[in-house]
Amino acid sequence: MPVRVSGHSRGRGLRMRLLSYMSSSLESTKVDRGNRECDLMKYSVGIDMGGTWIRAAVGTEEGIILKKVVVPVDPFADNTSILNQLESLILEVSGESLGEISGIGIAAAGKLDLKSSTIVFSPHTSIRSLPLGILGERFKKPVTLLN
C-alpha cells in the first residue's frame, strides 16, 4: 500500500513519492526462525536527479528514510562520470543492506524511455542520453524511472 506523505517542500514530497512508488511493489518475506517468524525488511533506493544536485536515499516499505546523501553534479560531466557517481551513491546509502534492496527508483526531469531506463532528453545537459538501465545490470535490481 503506497504511503501518502505531504511535504512542505516540493523536493521532499518528490523523494517521498519516489520511495512510496518503489515500496508499493515490494513485499516482506516471512522466514521461519525456530518457533517464531520474523520479517526480512526490504528496502528501496530513491534518487532525485537535478541539474546541480543528486539526492539519494534508502528507505523502508513504510516510507521511512534511513539514510540520505546530497552531492553536487558537475554540469560538464560525461555519462560515464555520472553513472559512476550514481553507483557510488547507491553503495553509500545502502551500505551493508545492499542485498536487501528490492529496487532503485530514479526521478529526473525530461523525456524518459521507460523500457530501457534511459533519460532521453533533459533540460539539465549533464544527464541527457543517460542509460540508467546499466545500474540495474550492475546491481541486479530493477530500475524504475519517474518524472
Protein backbone atom coordinates (compact mmCIF):
# COMPACT_ATOMS: atom_id res chain seq x y z
CA MET A 1 0.00 0.00 0.00
CA PRO A 2 1.57 3.33 -1.04
CA VAL A 3 2.46 5.79 1.68
CA ARG A 4 0.80 9.17 1.40
CA VAL A 5 3.05 11.94 2.56
CA SER A 6 2.54 15.66 2.26
CA GLY A 7 5.78 17.58 2.43
CA HIS A 8 6.43 21.25 2.95
CA SER A 9 8.82 21.42 0.03
CA ARG A 10 8.50 20.06 -3.48
CA GLY A 11 11.81 18.20 -3.20
CA ARG A 12 10.85 16.35 -0.02
CA GLY A 13 7.49 15.42 -1.50
CA LEU A 14 9.13 14.11 -4.66
CA ARG A 15 11.59 11.97 -2.73
CA MET A 16 8.85 10.56 -0.53
CA ARG A 17 6.64 9.90 -3.56
CA LEU A 18 9.52 8.09 -5.25
CA LEU A 19 10.20 5.90 -2.20
CA SER A 20 6.47 5.31 -1.85
CA TYR A 21 6.20 4.32 -5.51
CA MET A 22 9.07 1.87 -5.15
CA SER A 23 7.75 0.46 -1.88
CA SER A 24 4.30 -0.25 -3.34
CA SER A 25 5.78 -3.12 -5.34
CA LEU A 26 7.85 -4.57 -2.51
CA GLU A 27 6.90 -7.37 -0.17
CA SER A 28 8.29 -8.55 3.16
CA THR A 29 9.49 -12.12 3.20
CA LYS A 30 8.46 -14.39 6.08
CA VAL A 31 11.27 -16.50 7.47
CA ASP A 32 10.84 -19.37 9.92
CA ARG A 33 13.31 -18.99 12.80
CA GLY A 34 12.54 -21.95 15.02
CA ASN A 35 9.32 -21.23 16.87
CA ARG A 36 8.98 -17.63 15.74
CA GLU A 37 8.52 -15.86 12.45
CA CYS A 38 10.21 -12.63 11.56
CA ASP A 39 10.07 -10.30 8.59
CA LEU A 40 13.09 -9.67 6.44
CA MET A 41 12.77 -5.96 5.74
CA LYS A 42 13.06 -4.91 2.13
CA TYR A 43 14.49 -1.52 1.28
CA SER A 44 14.43 0.66 -1.80
CA VAL A 45 16.84 3.30 -3.04
CA GLY A 46 15.41 6.57 -4.32
CA ILE A 47 17.44 9.03 -6.39
CA ASP A 48 16.37 12.56 -7.31
CA MET A 49 18.47 13.85 -10.21
CA GLY A 50 18.58 17.58 -10.69
CA GLY A 51 20.72 19.89 -12.74
CA THR A 52 23.00 20.86 -9.87
CA TRP A 53 22.36 18.22 -7.16
CA ILE A 54 21.76 14.49 -6.89
CA ARG A 55 19.87 13.37 -3.81
CA ALA A 56 19.93 9.69 -2.87
CA ALA A 57 18.13 7.93 -0.03
CA VAL A 58 17.39 4.44 1.19
CA GLY A 59 14.05 3.80 2.81
CA THR A 60 11.70 1.15 4.11
CA GLU A 61 8.43 -0.10 2.68
CA GLU A 62 6.66 2.31 5.03
CA GLY A 63 8.46 5.30 3.51
CA ILE A 64 10.84 5.85 6.41
CA ILE A 65 14.10 7.32 5.14
CA LEU A 66 17.02 5.61 6.84
CA LYS A 67 19.88 7.46 5.18
CA LYS A 68 20.19 10.24 2.63
CA VAL A 69 23.06 11.86 0.80
CA VAL A 70 23.15 15.02 -1.33
CA VAL A 71 26.02 15.66 -3.73
CA PRO A 72 26.66 18.32 -6.38
CA VAL A 73 26.58 17.47 -10.08
CA ASP A 74 29.33 18.57 -12.41
CA PRO A 75 27.38 20.18 -15.28
CA PHE A 76 30.17 19.23 -17.67
CA ALA A 77 30.47 15.58 -16.60
CA ASP A 78 30.04 12.85 -19.19
CA ASN A 79 27.66 9.89 -18.87
CA THR A 80 30.36 7.58 -17.51
CA SER A 81 31.19 10.03 -14.71
CA ILE A 82 27.52 10.49 -13.79
CA LEU A 83 26.92 6.71 -13.79
CA ASN A 84 30.00 6.19 -11.59
CA GLN A 85 28.72 8.88 -9.23
CA LEU A 86 25.28 7.23 -9.06
CA GLU A 87 26.86 3.83 -8.44
CA SER A 88 28.89 5.26 -5.56
CA LEU A 89 25.81 6.94 -4.10
CA ILE A 90 23.79 3.72 -4.22
CA LEU A 91 26.59 1.88 -2.43
CA GLU A 92 26.91 4.69 0.13
CA VAL A 93 23.23 4.94 1.07
CA SER A 94 22.56 1.19 1.03
CA GLY A 95 25.69 0.27 2.99
CA GLU A 96 25.59 -3.29 4.27
CA SER A 97 21.91 -3.60 3.30
CA LEU A 98 22.66 -3.81 -0.45
CA GLY A 99 21.48 -7.42 -0.56
CA GLU A 100 18.12 -6.37 0.90
CA ILE A 101 17.50 -3.64 -1.69
CA SER A 102 14.47 -4.57 -3.79
CA GLY A 103 14.80 -1.84 -6.39
CA ILE A 104 16.14 1.54 -7.42
CA GLY A 105 13.81 4.43 -8.25
CA ILE A 106 15.14 7.45 -10.10
CA ALA A 107 13.31 10.76 -10.56
CA ALA A 108 14.51 13.02 -13.37
CA ALA A 109 13.12 15.86 -15.44
CA GLY A 110 12.69 15.40 -19.15
CA LYS A 111 11.80 12.73 -21.68
CA LEU A 112 12.33 9.21 -20.34
CA ASP A 113 12.47 5.86 -22.14
CA LEU A 114 10.93 3.60 -19.51
CA LYS A 115 11.67 0.36 -21.37
CA SER A 116 15.42 0.91 -21.48
CA SER A 117 15.56 3.07 -18.31
CA THR A 118 17.20 5.92 -20.20
CA ILE A 119 16.92 9.68 -19.82
CA VAL A 120 16.48 10.58 -23.50
CA PHE A 121 16.34 14.35 -23.08
CA SER A 122 16.57 16.61 -20.08
CA PRO A 123 16.75 20.36 -19.56
CA HIS A 124 19.84 19.51 -17.49
CA THR A 125 22.60 18.94 -20.04
CA SER A 126 24.66 16.76 -17.70
CA ILE A 127 22.07 13.95 -17.72
CA ARG A 128 20.98 13.87 -21.37
CA SER A 129 21.08 10.45 -23.08
CA LEU A 130 21.89 8.79 -19.76
CA PRO A 131 21.40 4.97 -19.84
CA LEU A 132 20.34 4.28 -16.25
CA GLY A 133 19.48 0.65 -17.04
CA ILE A 134 23.20 -0.02 -16.61
CA LEU A 135 22.70 0.47 -12.86
CA GLY A 136 20.10 -2.30 -12.86
CA GLU A 137 22.55 -4.63 -14.58
CA ARG A 138 25.34 -3.66 -12.20
CA PHE A 139 23.31 -4.18 -9.01
CA LYS A 140 20.97 -6.87 -10.39
CA LYS A 141 17.99 -4.81 -9.21
CA PRO A 142 15.05 -3.33 -11.13
CA VAL A 143 15.39 0.35 -12.02
CA THR A 144 12.23 2.46 -12.24
CA LEU A 145 12.22 5.96 -13.75
CA LEU A 146 9.77 8.68 -12.75
CA ASN A 147 9.42 12.38 -13.56
